[in-house]
C-alpha cells in the first residue's frame, strides 16, 4: 500500500464511522415506538453490520505489516 492511499482510507473510515453512528441513532429511534416496522429495522441492522465489516476491513489495511 502506498502512502498516498492512507489519507483516502482514513477519510473513508471517518465517513463509514459517521454513517454507522447515524444508523445506530435511527435504529434506537425506531425502537422507541410501540409499533416497530420490523422489516425496516432489520434492513437498518443489516446495513449497520455491513458498515462495521467495511470499517474493520479498512482498519486492517491501515495497520502496517510487521516483518517477523
Protein backbone atom coordinates (compact mmCIF):
# COMPACT_ATOMS: atom_id res chain seq x y z
CA UNK A 1 0.00 0.00 0.00
CA UNK A 2 1.32 3.44 -0.91
CA UNK A 3 1.41 6.36 1.49
CA UNK A 4 -0.94 8.28 -0.80
CA UNK A 5 -3.63 5.66 -0.10
CA UNK A 6 -3.63 6.33 3.65
CA UNK A 7 -5.48 9.70 3.59
CA UNK A 8 -8.06 8.23 1.25
CA UNK A 9 -8.59 5.21 3.51
CA UNK A 10 -8.68 7.44 6.58
CA UNK A 11 -11.37 9.63 5.06
CA UNK A 12 -13.36 6.54 4.03
CA UNK A 13 -13.03 5.23 7.58
CA UNK A 14 -14.31 8.51 9.01
CA UNK A 15 -17.26 8.50 6.60
CA UNK A 16 -18.17 4.90 7.42
CA UNK A 17 -17.95 5.53 11.16
CA UNK A 18 -20.24 8.55 10.81
CA UNK A 19 -22.78 6.54 8.81
CA UNK A 20 -22.56 3.74 11.39
CA UNK A 21 -23.35 6.16 14.23
CA UNK A 22 -26.23 7.68 12.27
CA UNK A 23 -27.73 4.23 11.69
CA UNK A 24 -27.36 3.47 15.39
CA UNK A 25 -29.36 6.59 16.23
CA UNK A 26 -32.00 5.73 13.61
CA UNK A 27 -32.33 2.18 14.97
CA UNK A 28 -32.75 3.47 18.53
CA UNK A 29 -35.35 5.98 17.32
CA UNK A 30 -37.34 3.24 15.58
CA UNK A 31 -37.26 1.05 18.67
CA UNK A 32 -38.82 3.79 20.81
CA UNK A 33 -42.19 3.46 19.09
CA UNK A 34 -44.76 0.93 20.22
CA UNK A 35 -45.29 -0.03 16.58
CA UNK A 36 -41.95 -1.04 15.09
CA UNK A 37 -41.51 -1.59 11.39
CA UNK A 38 -39.64 -4.88 11.75
CA UNK A 39 -38.66 -5.03 8.10
CA UNK A 40 -37.16 -1.54 8.16
CA UNK A 41 -35.42 -2.29 11.45
CA UNK A 42 -33.94 -5.49 10.02
CA UNK A 43 -32.69 -3.65 6.92
CA UNK A 44 -31.04 -0.95 9.02
CA UNK A 45 -29.35 -3.52 11.24
CA UNK A 46 -28.06 -5.38 8.18
CA UNK A 47 -26.75 -2.16 6.69
CA UNK A 48 -25.09 -1.29 10.00
CA UNK A 49 -23.39 -4.69 10.07
CA UNK A 50 -22.07 -4.21 6.51
CA UNK A 51 -20.69 -0.82 7.53
CA UNK A 52 -18.99 -2.34 10.55
CA UNK A 53 -17.41 -5.03 8.38
CA UNK A 54 -16.12 -2.38 5.98
CA UNK A 55 -14.77 -0.34 8.91
CA UNK A 56 -12.86 -3.36 10.20
CA UNK A 57 -11.51 -4.10 6.71
CA UNK A 58 -10.20 -0.56 6.29
CA UNK A 59 -8.74 -0.54 9.79
CA UNK A 60 -6.84 -3.73 8.93
CA UNK A 61 -5.50 -2.08 5.77
CA UNK A 62 -4.25 0.90 7.76
CA UNK A 63 -2.23 -1.26 10.15
CA UNK A 64 1.28 -1.53 8.77
CA UNK A 65 2.61 -5.02 8.05
CA UNK A 66 5.26 -6.10 10.51
CA UNK A 67 8.07 -8.21 9.19
CA UNK A 68 8.61 -11.10 11.57
